[in-house]
């Protein structure tokens, strides 16, 4: 099976001018006299951020047109206000970073409305000897298997400390509840992952472009789903001894991240070896169709069953850095335990084209210079191969039809297009916008609240209504 080397993402990365680890927002303090946002607007933005953190979904309606020369200062100030709102928000925070050990334990209570009696203990700490890292440390989220949770959690700490990936930061959770219907991808855990991403991106010790997810067995299934669902946040993902049906983790979404899947060739349980092979074929096909965008390493390890050597995964992953401004985006917005994502890279969904779970929405964006081409489809799956014992859907065909309704925002910045020049946006073959896109403070505030990502505080936006186009 073909393997893409570390350089596999370079062709995509070369098109993302300005997308280095230094791009984005600084979080340093600035004297009050130099603050670009006036006090009244600052209070409005701070109050809005606090409401968003509390669960309100409304957009910020205030704003101010900006000159391009003002964008950097306003972006920094918006991020500072976001950081201050998070610091003042009443919630269980991450503890201060210390060495990764049995003593480095925290606990998060997850909302009862999502999962009753769900408390997630976790190990949180740093590996290495305190080496100075200029752009921040890589962070790994590790998901354990489905054995007794206390034993699996303790074993996870031991093996994660063994991996050759220092210096690094680790978040090693224990699944809150056990049983046939508790999985790492369910909505209570989604709450935890989004909280982890939000808080880690506020921590200057962590590089927001080097965050990874991986896991073993049940954690392999979970990390494969999370790889696809949250691909715009990861630099890479590394499920092991797993193998999801591709309907549960569309590989198309993994453009622009590094993806490793390693399974024993004799790991027959729940068709793990077979499904790993299907994933490899899909990734190979995508890599041919989109050269440089699908860096992957899919391995069926000869003569091995469910137990394999776990050590190669994180050293391979940590060599890859996230590109937060890809000029090719492929996103199947699939439902995961009743939830959909509301945004992906620079796309924000205001209204999905699909009415229910019988179909899905698919977005494909290409940026060439200042020309943006966007395809929006509805996707319907047809199962072509099903396991006769458990009813596992193994293979599918997908049928695409252009979407006839739906609303979305295409966020823009100078890393994606030249905002000093006209921008053209074509949707499903029809030109829907041509002109200059003016920066506005409102776009920065709304994109910051949506993505909570220092790299994605976007100054400009184009609104699209598919029903009108």
Protein backbone atom coordinates (compact mmCIF):
# COMPACT_ATOMS: atom_id res chain seq x y z
CA UNK A 1 0.00 0.00 0.00
CA UNK A 2 1.37 3.38 -0.97
CA UNK A 3 2.79 5.56 1.77
CA UNK A 4 3.19 9.34 1.48
CA UNK A 5 6.41 10.65 2.98
CA UNK A 6 6.75 13.63 5.32
CA UNK A 7 6.98 15.97 2.34
CA UNK A 8 3.51 15.00 1.15
CA UNK A 9 1.87 18.26 2.31
CA UNK A 10 4.41 20.61 0.80
CA UNK A 11 2.52 21.20 -2.44
CA UNK A 12 -0.55 22.35 -0.52
CA UNK A 13 1.54 24.37 1.91
CA UNK A 14 3.38 26.24 -0.85
CA UNK A 15 0.11 27.88 -1.91
CA UNK A 16 -0.61 29.17 1.60
CA UNK A 17 1.52 32.31 1.65
CA UNK A 18 2.02 33.62 5.12
CA UNK A 19 0.79 30.44 6.80
CA UNK A 20 3.90 29.93 8.91
CA UNK A 21 3.80 29.16 12.61
CA UNK A 22 4.33 32.85 13.26
CA UNK A 23 1.14 33.89 11.47
CA UNK A 24 -1.91 34.82 13.47
CA UNK A 25 -2.33 36.66 16.74
CA UNK A 26 -0.06 37.56 19.58
CA UNK A 27 -1.46 37.59 23.09
CA UNK A 28 0.81 40.08 24.75
CA UNK A 29 -0.45 42.99 26.82
CA UNK A 30 -0.72 46.44 25.30
CA UNK A 31 -0.93 49.79 27.10
CA UNK A 32 -4.50 51.09 27.31
CA UNK A 33 -3.55 54.20 25.35
CA UNK A 34 -2.65 52.08 22.31
CA UNK A 35 -5.79 49.96 22.26
CA UNK A 36 -7.42 50.35 18.84
CA UNK A 37 -10.94 49.43 20.03
CA UNK A 38 -12.81 52.08 22.00
CA UNK A 39 -14.01 51.31 25.52
CA UNK A 40 -17.70 51.03 24.66
CA UNK A 41 -17.06 48.57 21.84
CA UNK A 42 -14.60 46.65 24.02
CA UNK A 43 -17.30 46.15 26.63
CA UNK A 44 -19.78 45.00 23.98
CA UNK A 45 -17.30 42.50 22.57
CA UNK A 46 -16.32 41.21 26.00
CA UNK A 47 -19.97 40.72 26.96
CA UNK A 48 -20.63 38.93 23.67
CA UNK A 49 -17.69 36.58 24.20
CA UNK A 50 -18.92 35.76 27.70
CA UNK A 51 -22.39 34.96 26.36
CA UNK A 52 -20.91 32.74 23.66
CA UNK A 53 -18.85 30.86 26.24
CA UNK A 54 -22.06 30.31 28.20
CA UNK A 55 -23.70 28.71 25.15
CA UNK A 56 -25.48 31.55 23.35
CA UNK A 57 -25.29 31.13 19.57
CA UNK A 58 -26.24 34.62 18.31
CA UNK A 59 -23.77 36.58 16.19
CA UNK A 60 -22.15 39.88 17.12
CA UNK A 61 -24.03 42.59 15.27
CA UNK A 62 -21.79 45.54 16.04
CA UNK A 63 -18.74 46.32 14.00
CA UNK A 64 -16.52 48.85 12.34
CA UNK A 65 -15.07 49.03 8.86
CA UNK A 66 -11.29 48.74 8.92
CA UNK A 67 -8.42 49.76 6.73
CA UNK A 68 -6.08 46.92 5.79
CA UNK A 69 -3.35 48.72 7.72
CA UNK A 70 -5.51 48.41 10.88
CA UNK A 71 -6.22 44.69 10.61
CA UNK A 72 -3.22 43.37 12.54
CA UNK A 73 -3.77 45.66 15.56
CA UNK A 74 -7.51 44.94 15.73
CA UNK A 75 -6.95 41.20 15.35
CA UNK A 76 -4.52 41.22 18.26
CA UNK A 77 -6.96 43.19 20.37
CA UNK A 78 -9.87 40.85 19.59
CA UNK A 79 -7.76 37.89 20.67
CA UNK A 80 -6.80 39.65 23.91
CA UNK A 81 -10.47 40.29 24.65
CA UNK A 82 -11.26 36.64 23.91
CA UNK A 83 -8.48 35.52 26.20
CA UNK A 84 -9.69 37.81 29.00
CA UNK A 85 -13.26 36.54 28.61
CA UNK A 86 -12.02 32.96 28.94
CA UNK A 87 -9.96 33.80 32.00
CA UNK A 88 -13.03 35.31 33.66
CA UNK A 89 -15.41 32.52 32.66
CA UNK A 90 -16.39 30.20 35.52
CA UNK A 91 -15.39 26.67 34.49
CA UNK A 92 -12.92 23.94 35.40
CA UNK A 93 -9.67 25.03 33.78
CA UNK A 94 -6.56 23.10 32.79
CA UNK A 95 -4.03 22.96 35.64
CA UNK A 96 -0.66 24.67 35.22
CA UNK A 97 1.70 22.56 33.15
CA UNK A 98 4.03 20.32 35.11
CA UNK A 99 5.82 17.05 34.38
CA UNK A 100 3.61 14.26 33.03
CA UNK A 101 3.24 11.83 35.92
CA UNK A 102 0.73 10.01 38.14
CA UNK A 103 0.43 13.20 40.17
CA UNK A 104 -0.46 15.42 37.19
CA UNK A 105 -4.21 14.76 37.39
CA UNK A 106 -7.22 16.98 36.69
CA UNK A 107 -10.98 16.35 36.50
CA UNK A 108 -13.67 17.82 34.31
CA UNK A 109 -17.38 17.44 34.98
CA UNK A 110 -19.22 17.13 31.68
CA UNK A 111 -22.77 18.50 31.31
CA UNK A 112 -25.48 16.17 32.66
CA UNK A 113 -27.63 17.19 29.70
CA UNK A 114 -25.11 15.47 27.41
CA UNK A 115 -24.25 12.47 29.59
CA UNK A 116 -25.48 11.94 33.17
CA UNK A 117 -22.86 11.46 35.88
CA UNK A 118 -19.95 12.05 33.51
CA UNK A 119 -16.71 13.07 35.19
CA UNK A 120 -13.56 12.88 33.07
CA UNK A 121 -10.29 12.51 34.99
CA UNK A 122 -7.19 13.21 32.93
CA UNK A 123 -3.43 13.33 33.07
CA UNK A 124 -2.06 16.66 31.88
CA UNK A 125 1.63 17.35 31.70
CA UNK A 126 4.81 18.00 29.83
CA UNK A 127 7.38 15.51 28.61
CA UNK A 128 11.03 16.48 28.32
CA UNK A 129 13.61 18.30 30.37
CA UNK A 130 12.20 21.80 30.17
CA UNK A 131 13.66 22.56 26.75
CA UNK A 132 12.86 26.05 25.50
CA UNK A 133 10.63 25.94 22.40
CA UNK A 134 10.23 29.27 20.64
CA UNK A 135 6.86 28.62 18.94
CA UNK A 136 5.35 26.47 21.66
CA UNK A 137 5.19 22.73 22.31
CA UNK A 138 3.30 20.08 20.35
CA UNK A 139 0.28 18.67 22.18
CA UNK A 140 -1.06 15.12 21.95
CA UNK A 141 -4.55 13.92 22.87
CA UNK A 142 -4.43 10.17 23.59
CA UNK A 143 -7.56 7.97 23.75
CA UNK A 144 -7.40 4.61 25.51
CA UNK A 145 -9.05 1.28 24.68
CA UNK A 146 -12.27 -0.29 25.92
CA UNK A 147 -10.97 -2.44 28.78
CA UNK A 148 -11.57 -1.53 32.44
CA UNK A 149 -11.20 2.23 32.39
CA UNK A 150 -8.88 2.65 35.36
CA UNK A 151 -6.44 0.04 34.03
CA UNK A 152 -6.61 1.41 30.48
CA UNK A 153 -6.02 4.96 31.73
CA UNK A 154 -3.00 3.94 33.84
CA UNK A 155 -1.57 1.93 30.94
CA UNK A 156 -2.07 4.92 28.65
CA UNK A 157 0.08 7.09 30.88
CA UNK A 158 2.87 4.50 30.87
CA UNK A 159 2.96 4.02 27.13
CA UNK A 160 2.62 7.74 26.35
CA UNK A 161 5.62 8.50 28.55
CA UNK A 162 7.54 5.87 26.53
CA UNK A 163 7.02 7.48 23.12
CA UNK A 164 9.96 9.31 21.53
CA UNK A 165 8.22 12.66 20.99
CA UNK A 166 9.71 14.97 23.64
CA UNK A 167 9.46 17.82 24.29
CA UNK A 168 5.68 17.67 24.15
CA UNK A 169 2.46 18.12 26.13
CA UNK A 170 -0.05 15.33 26.74
CA UNK A 171 -3.76 15.22 27.61
CA UNK A 172 -4.65 11.64 28.57
CA UNK A 173 -8.33 11.32 29.58
CA UNK A 174 -10.16 8.46 31.24
CA UNK A 175 -13.54 7.79 29.65
CA UNK A 176 -16.18 8.97 32.15
CA UNK A 177 -18.49 5.94 31.91
CA UNK A 178 -18.22 2.35 30.73
CA UNK A 179 -20.57 0.08 28.84
CA UNK A 180 -21.69 -0.82 25.36
CA UNK A 181 -22.88 2.67 24.47
CA UNK A 182 -20.05 4.87 25.71
CA UNK A 183 -17.68 6.07 23.02
CA UNK A 184 -15.01 8.75 22.62
CA UNK A 185 -16.94 10.48 19.83
CA UNK A 186 -20.24 11.03 21.66
CA UNK A 187 -21.50 14.53 22.36
CA UNK A 188 -20.41 14.76 26.01
CA UNK A 189 -16.89 13.96 24.90
CA UNK A 190 -17.22 16.41 22.00
CA UNK A 191 -17.83 19.03 24.68
CA UNK A 192 -14.54 18.00 26.31
CA UNK A 193 -12.54 18.05 23.05
CA UNK A 194 -13.82 21.49 22.08
CA UNK A 195 -13.03 22.75 25.55
CA UNK A 196 -9.54 21.23 25.35
CA UNK A 197 -8.89 22.82 21.98
CA UNK A 198 -10.17 26.19 23.17
CA UNK A 199 -8.11 26.22 26.37
CA UNK A 200 -4.94 24.84 24.79
CA UNK A 201 -5.05 27.52 22.09
CA UNK A 202 -5.06 30.15 24.82
CA UNK A 203 -1.89 28.65 26.35
CA UNK A 204 1.25 30.27 24.98
CA UNK A 205 3.23 27.16 25.95
CA UNK A 206 1.39 25.19 23.22
CA UNK A 207 1.82 25.60 19.48
CA UNK A 208 -1.71 25.88 18.00
CA UNK A 209 -0.39 24.44 14.73
CA UNK A 210 0.98 21.27 16.32
CA UNK A 211 -1.97 19.56 18.00
CA UNK A 212 -2.47 15.83 17.37
CA UNK A 213 -4.99 13.12 18.26
CA UNK A 214 -4.31 9.39 18.41
CA UNK A 215 -5.51 6.29 20.22
CA UNK A 216 -5.52 2.50 20.45
CA UNK A 217 -8.36 0.01 19.81
CA UNK A 218 -11.54 1.81 20.95
CA UNK A 219 -9.33 4.90 21.07
CA UNK A 220 -8.31 4.10 17.49
CA UNK A 221 -11.94 4.19 16.39
CA UNK A 222 -12.47 7.40 18.35
CA UNK A 223 -9.38 9.15 17.02
CA UNK A 224 -10.28 8.21 13.43
CA UNK A 225 -13.70 9.81 13.83
CA UNK A 226 -12.26 12.87 15.56
CA UNK A 227 -9.60 13.15 12.84
CA UNK A 228 -12.32 13.71 10.25
CA UNK A 229 -14.75 15.70 12.40
CA UNK A 230 -12.17 18.21 13.70
CA UNK A 231 -9.60 18.04 10.89
CA UNK A 232 -9.25 21.83 10.73
CA UNK A 233 -7.66 21.83 14.22
CA UNK A 234 -5.23 18.91 13.94
CA UNK A 235 -1.75 18.83 12.49
CA UNK A 236 -2.12 15.06 12.40
CA UNK A 237 -4.04 12.02 13.62
CA UNK A 238 -2.87 8.50 14.40
CA UNK A 239 -5.45 5.80 15.11
CA UNK A 240 -4.00 2.35 15.88
CA UNK A 241 -5.54 -1.12 15.98
CA UNK A 242 -8.81 0.35 14.74
CA UNK A 243 -10.53 0.80 11.42
CA UNK A 244 -13.82 2.66 11.07
CA UNK A 245 -16.33 2.26 8.24
CA UNK A 246 -15.62 5.33 6.13
CA UNK A 247 -19.16 6.63 6.56
CA UNK A 248 -18.20 7.30 10.20
CA UNK A 249 -15.01 9.17 9.31
CA UNK A 250 -15.03 10.57 5.75
CA UNK A 251 -11.40 10.59 4.56
CA UNK A 252 -12.06 13.57 2.27
CA UNK A 253 -12.00 15.82 5.35
CA UNK A 254 -8.37 14.88 6.09
CA UNK A 255 -6.88 16.99 3.32
CA UNK A 256 -4.15 19.15 4.85
CA UNK A 257 -3.45 16.95 7.89
CA UNK A 258 -1.07 14.01 8.35
CA UNK A 259 -2.95 10.75 8.84
CA UNK A 260 -1.46 7.50 10.14
CA UNK A 261 -3.46 4.28 10.62
CA UNK A 262 -1.60 1.15 11.75
CA UNK A 263 -3.40 -2.16 12.28
CA UNK A 264 -2.31 -5.79 12.48
CA UNK A 265 -2.87 -7.73 9.25
CA UNK A 266 -4.44 -10.50 11.36
CA UNK A 267 -6.61 -8.16 13.43
CA UNK A 268 -9.87 -9.74 12.23
CA UNK A 269 -12.11 -8.48 15.04
CA UNK A 270 -14.94 -6.28 13.71
CA UNK A 271 -13.15 -6.32 10.34
CA UNK A 272 -10.45 -3.96 11.59
CA UNK A 273 -7.89 -5.18 9.06
CA UNK A 274 -10.38 -5.04 6.20
CA UNK A 275 -11.60 -1.53 7.09
CA UNK A 276 -8.03 -0.31 7.52
CA UNK A 277 -7.37 -1.54 3.98
CA UNK A 278 -10.41 0.32 2.69
CA UNK A 279 -9.17 3.48 4.37
CA UNK A 280 -5.78 3.03 2.71
CA UNK A 281 -7.35 2.64 -0.73
CA UNK A 282 -9.49 5.75 -0.21
CA UNK A 283 -6.53 7.82 0.98
CA UNK A 284 -4.38 6.62 -1.93
CA UNK A 285 -7.10 7.61 -4.39
CA UNK A 286 -7.50 11.06 -2.80
CA UNK A 287 -3.74 11.55 -2.83
CA UNK A 288 -3.63 10.89 -6.57
CA UNK A 289 -6.56 13.22 -7.25
CA UNK A 290 -5.12 16.02 -5.06
CA UNK A 291 -1.31 15.74 -5.07
CA UNK A 292 0.32 16.86 -1.84
CA UNK A 293 -2.91 17.36 0.11
CA UNK A 294 -3.35 13.92 1.70
CA UNK A 295 -0.20 12.95 3.57
CA UNK A 296 -0.88 9.49 4.91
CA UNK A 297 0.71 6.31 6.15
CA UNK A 298 -1.66 3.32 6.26
CA UNK A 299 -0.05 0.06 7.35
CA UNK A 300 -1.32 -3.48 7.77
CA UNK A 301 1.44 -4.98 9.87
CA UNK A 302 2.30 -8.54 8.79
CA UNK A 303 1.65 -11.43 11.19
CA UNK A 304 0.26 -9.13 13.90
CA UNK A 305 -3.17 -9.27 15.51
CA UNK A 306 -4.75 -6.68 17.80
CA UNK A 307 -1.48 -5.99 19.64
CA UNK A 308 1.10 -4.04 17.63
CA UNK A 309 4.12 -1.83 18.27
CA UNK A 310 2.62 1.56 19.15
CA UNK A 311 5.88 3.51 19.22
CA UNK A 312 6.19 4.66 15.57
CA UNK A 313 3.03 6.80 15.48
CA UNK A 314 3.74 9.98 17.46
CA UNK A 315 7.31 10.55 16.18
CA UNK A 316 5.91 10.38 12.64
CA UNK A 317 3.02 12.72 13.42
CA UNK A 318 5.02 15.39 15.20
CA UNK A 319 7.02 16.18 12.08
CA UNK A 320 3.92 17.71 10.51
CA UNK A 321 2.62 21.23 11.15
CA UNK A 322 -0.94 22.38 10.56
CA UNK A 323 -1.65 24.68 7.64
CA UNK A 324 -4.48 26.89 8.98
CA UNK A 325 -4.99 28.58 5.59
CA UNK A 326 -5.28 25.80 3.00
CA UNK A 327 -6.23 26.76 -0.53
CA UNK A 328 -7.94 23.44 -1.01
CA UNK A 329 -10.67 22.47 1.48
CA UNK A 330 -12.80 19.33 1.31
CA UNK A 331 -15.51 18.96 3.96
CA UNK A 332 -18.30 16.46 4.35
CA UNK A 333 -20.30 17.89 7.25
CA UNK A 334 -21.40 14.66 8.84
CA UNK A 335 -23.48 14.17 11.96
CA UNK A 336 -21.72 12.71 14.99
CA UNK A 337 -24.03 11.68 17.83
CA UNK A 338 -26.64 14.18 16.71
CA UNK A 339 -24.25 17.13 16.29
CA UNK A 340 -22.86 18.84 13.22
CA UNK A 341 -19.92 21.19 12.98
CA UNK A 342 -20.86 24.82 12.39
CA UNK A 343 -17.62 25.65 10.62
CA UNK A 344 -14.53 24.14 9.03
CA UNK A 345 -11.32 26.02 8.14
CA UNK A 346 -12.67 29.34 6.75
CA UNK A 347 -16.24 28.17 6.05
CA UNK A 348 -19.10 28.85 8.48
CA UNK A 349 -22.50 27.20 8.01
CA UNK A 350 -25.52 29.39 8.73
CA UNK A 351 -28.06 26.92 7.34
CA UNK A 352 -27.30 23.35 6.19
CA UNK A 353 -28.53 22.28 2.75
CA UNK A 354 -29.60 18.86 4.13
CA UNK A 355 -32.80 18.69 6.16
CA UNK A 356 -31.99 15.55 8.14
CA UNK A 357 -29.56 12.67 8.49
CA UNK A 358 -30.74 10.97 5.29
CA UNK A 359 -28.21 13.13 3.46
CA UNK A 360 -25.16 15.23 4.23
CA UNK A 361 -23.66 18.47 3.00
CA UNK A 362 -20.37 18.55 1.12
CA UNK A 363 -18.22 21.64 0.55
CA UNK A 364 -15.17 21.79 -1.69
CA UNK A 365 -13.22 25.06 -1.95
CA UNK A 366 -10.30 25.93 -4.21
CA UNK A 367 -8.45 29.24 -4.09
CA UNK A 368 -6.30 30.32 -7.04
CA UNK A 369 -4.95 33.83 -6.67
CA UNK A 370 -8.03 35.92 -5.91
CA UNK A 371 -10.45 33.50 -7.54
CA UNK A 372 -12.42 31.24 -5.19
CA UNK A 373 -14.37 28.29 -6.51
CA UNK A 374 -16.83 26.64 -4.13
CA UNK A 375 -18.83 23.49 -4.71
CA UNK A 376 -21.76 22.75 -2.37
CA UNK A 377 -23.57 19.42 -2.69
CA UNK A 378 -25.98 17.19 -0.90
CA UNK A 379 -24.52 13.69 -0.43
CA UNK A 380 -26.47 10.44 -0.13
CA UNK A 381 -24.80 7.16 0.88
CA UNK A 382 -25.78 3.79 -0.53
CA UNK A 383 -24.45 0.72 1.29
CA UNK A 384 -22.96 -1.84 -1.09
CA UNK A 385 -21.47 -4.32 1.40
CA UNK A 386 -22.75 -5.23 4.85
CA UNK A 387 -21.46 -7.69 7.44
CA UNK A 388 -24.04 -10.47 7.93
CA UNK A 389 -23.27 -10.99 11.65
CA UNK A 390 -23.36 -7.53 13.26
CA UNK A 391 -24.84 -5.49 10.43
CA UNK A 392 -21.67 -3.40 10.08
CA UNK A 393 -21.85 -1.33 6.89
CA UNK A 394 -18.50 -1.98 5.24
CA UNK A 395 -18.58 -0.31 1.82
CA UNK A 396 -20.56 2.48 0.19
CA UNK A 397 -21.06 4.54 -2.90
CA UNK A 398 -21.86 8.25 -2.62
CA UNK A 399 -24.15 10.24 -4.85
CA UNK A 400 -23.72 14.01 -5.11
CA UNK A 401 -26.33 16.56 -6.18
CA UNK A 402 -25.77 20.36 -6.22
CA UNK A 403 -27.34 21.95 -3.15
CA UNK A 404 -30.38 24.11 -3.81
CA UNK A 405 -30.57 25.83 -0.46
CA UNK A 406 -28.41 26.66 2.51
CA UNK A 407 -26.47 29.65 3.79
CA UNK A 408 -22.80 30.01 4.60
CA UNK A 409 -20.08 32.54 5.25
CA UNK A 410 -16.76 32.38 3.45
CA UNK A 411 -14.25 34.03 5.76
CA UNK A 412 -11.16 35.58 4.19
CA UNK A 413 -7.81 37.02 5.17
CA UNK A 414 -4.62 38.07 3.42
CA UNK A 415 -3.17 34.59 3.90
CA UNK A 416 -5.91 33.28 1.57
CA UNK A 417 -6.39 36.13 -0.92
CA UNK A 418 -5.03 39.62 -1.55
CA UNK A 419 -7.63 41.81 0.13
CA UNK A 420 -6.30 44.90 -1.65
CA UNK A 421 -7.63 43.51 -4.95
CA UNK A 422 -10.96 42.30 -6.28
CA UNK A 423 -12.08 38.84 -5.22
CA UNK A 424 -14.24 36.56 -7.34
CA UNK A 425 -16.38 33.84 -5.75
CA UNK A 426 -18.01 31.19 -7.91
CA UNK A 427 -20.48 28.74 -6.30
CA UNK A 428 -21.55 25.61 -8.19
CA UNK A 429 -20.37 27.16 -11.44
CA UNK A 430 -22.14 30.51 -10.99
CA UNK A 431 -20.35 33.76 -10.16
CA UNK A 432 -21.99 35.13 -7.01
CA UNK A 433 -19.52 37.85 -5.99
CA UNK A 434 -16.92 40.03 -7.65
CA UNK A 435 -15.36 43.02 -5.95
CA UNK A 436 -13.26 44.10 -3.03
CA UNK A 437 -14.03 42.50 0.31
CA UNK A 438 -13.79 45.10 3.06
CA UNK A 439 -12.38 44.18 6.48
CA UNK A 440 -14.76 44.65 9.39
CA UNK A 441 -14.33 44.19 13.13
CA UNK A 442 -17.58 42.20 13.22
CA UNK A 443 -16.04 39.42 11.14
CA UNK A 444 -13.10 39.15 13.53
CA UNK A 445 -15.33 38.88 16.58
CA UNK A 446 -17.68 36.29 15.07
CA UNK A 447 -14.92 34.10 13.61
CA UNK A 448 -13.00 34.23 16.88
CA UNK A 449 -16.06 33.07 18.83
CA UNK A 450 -16.79 30.32 16.29
CA UNK A 451 -13.31 28.84 15.88
CA UNK A 452 -11.55 30.00 19.12
CA UNK A 453 -8.33 29.80 17.12
CA UNK A 454 -5.64 32.50 17.07
CA UNK A 455 -4.95 31.74 13.40
CA UNK A 456 -8.59 32.17 12.36
CA UNK A 457 -9.59 35.66 13.46
CA UNK A 458 -10.77 36.64 9.99
CA UNK A 459 -11.18 40.30 8.97
CA UNK A 460 -13.30 39.77 5.83
CA UNK A 461 -16.27 37.67 4.75
CA UNK A 462 -18.61 36.94 1.88
CA UNK A 463 -22.17 35.78 2.65
CA UNK A 464 -23.69 33.12 0.38
CA UNK A 465 -27.37 32.15 0.12
CA UNK A 466 -27.67 29.13 -2.14
CA UNK A 467 -31.42 29.63 -2.56
CA UNK A 468 -30.76 33.03 -4.14
CA UNK A 469 -27.84 31.87 -6.26
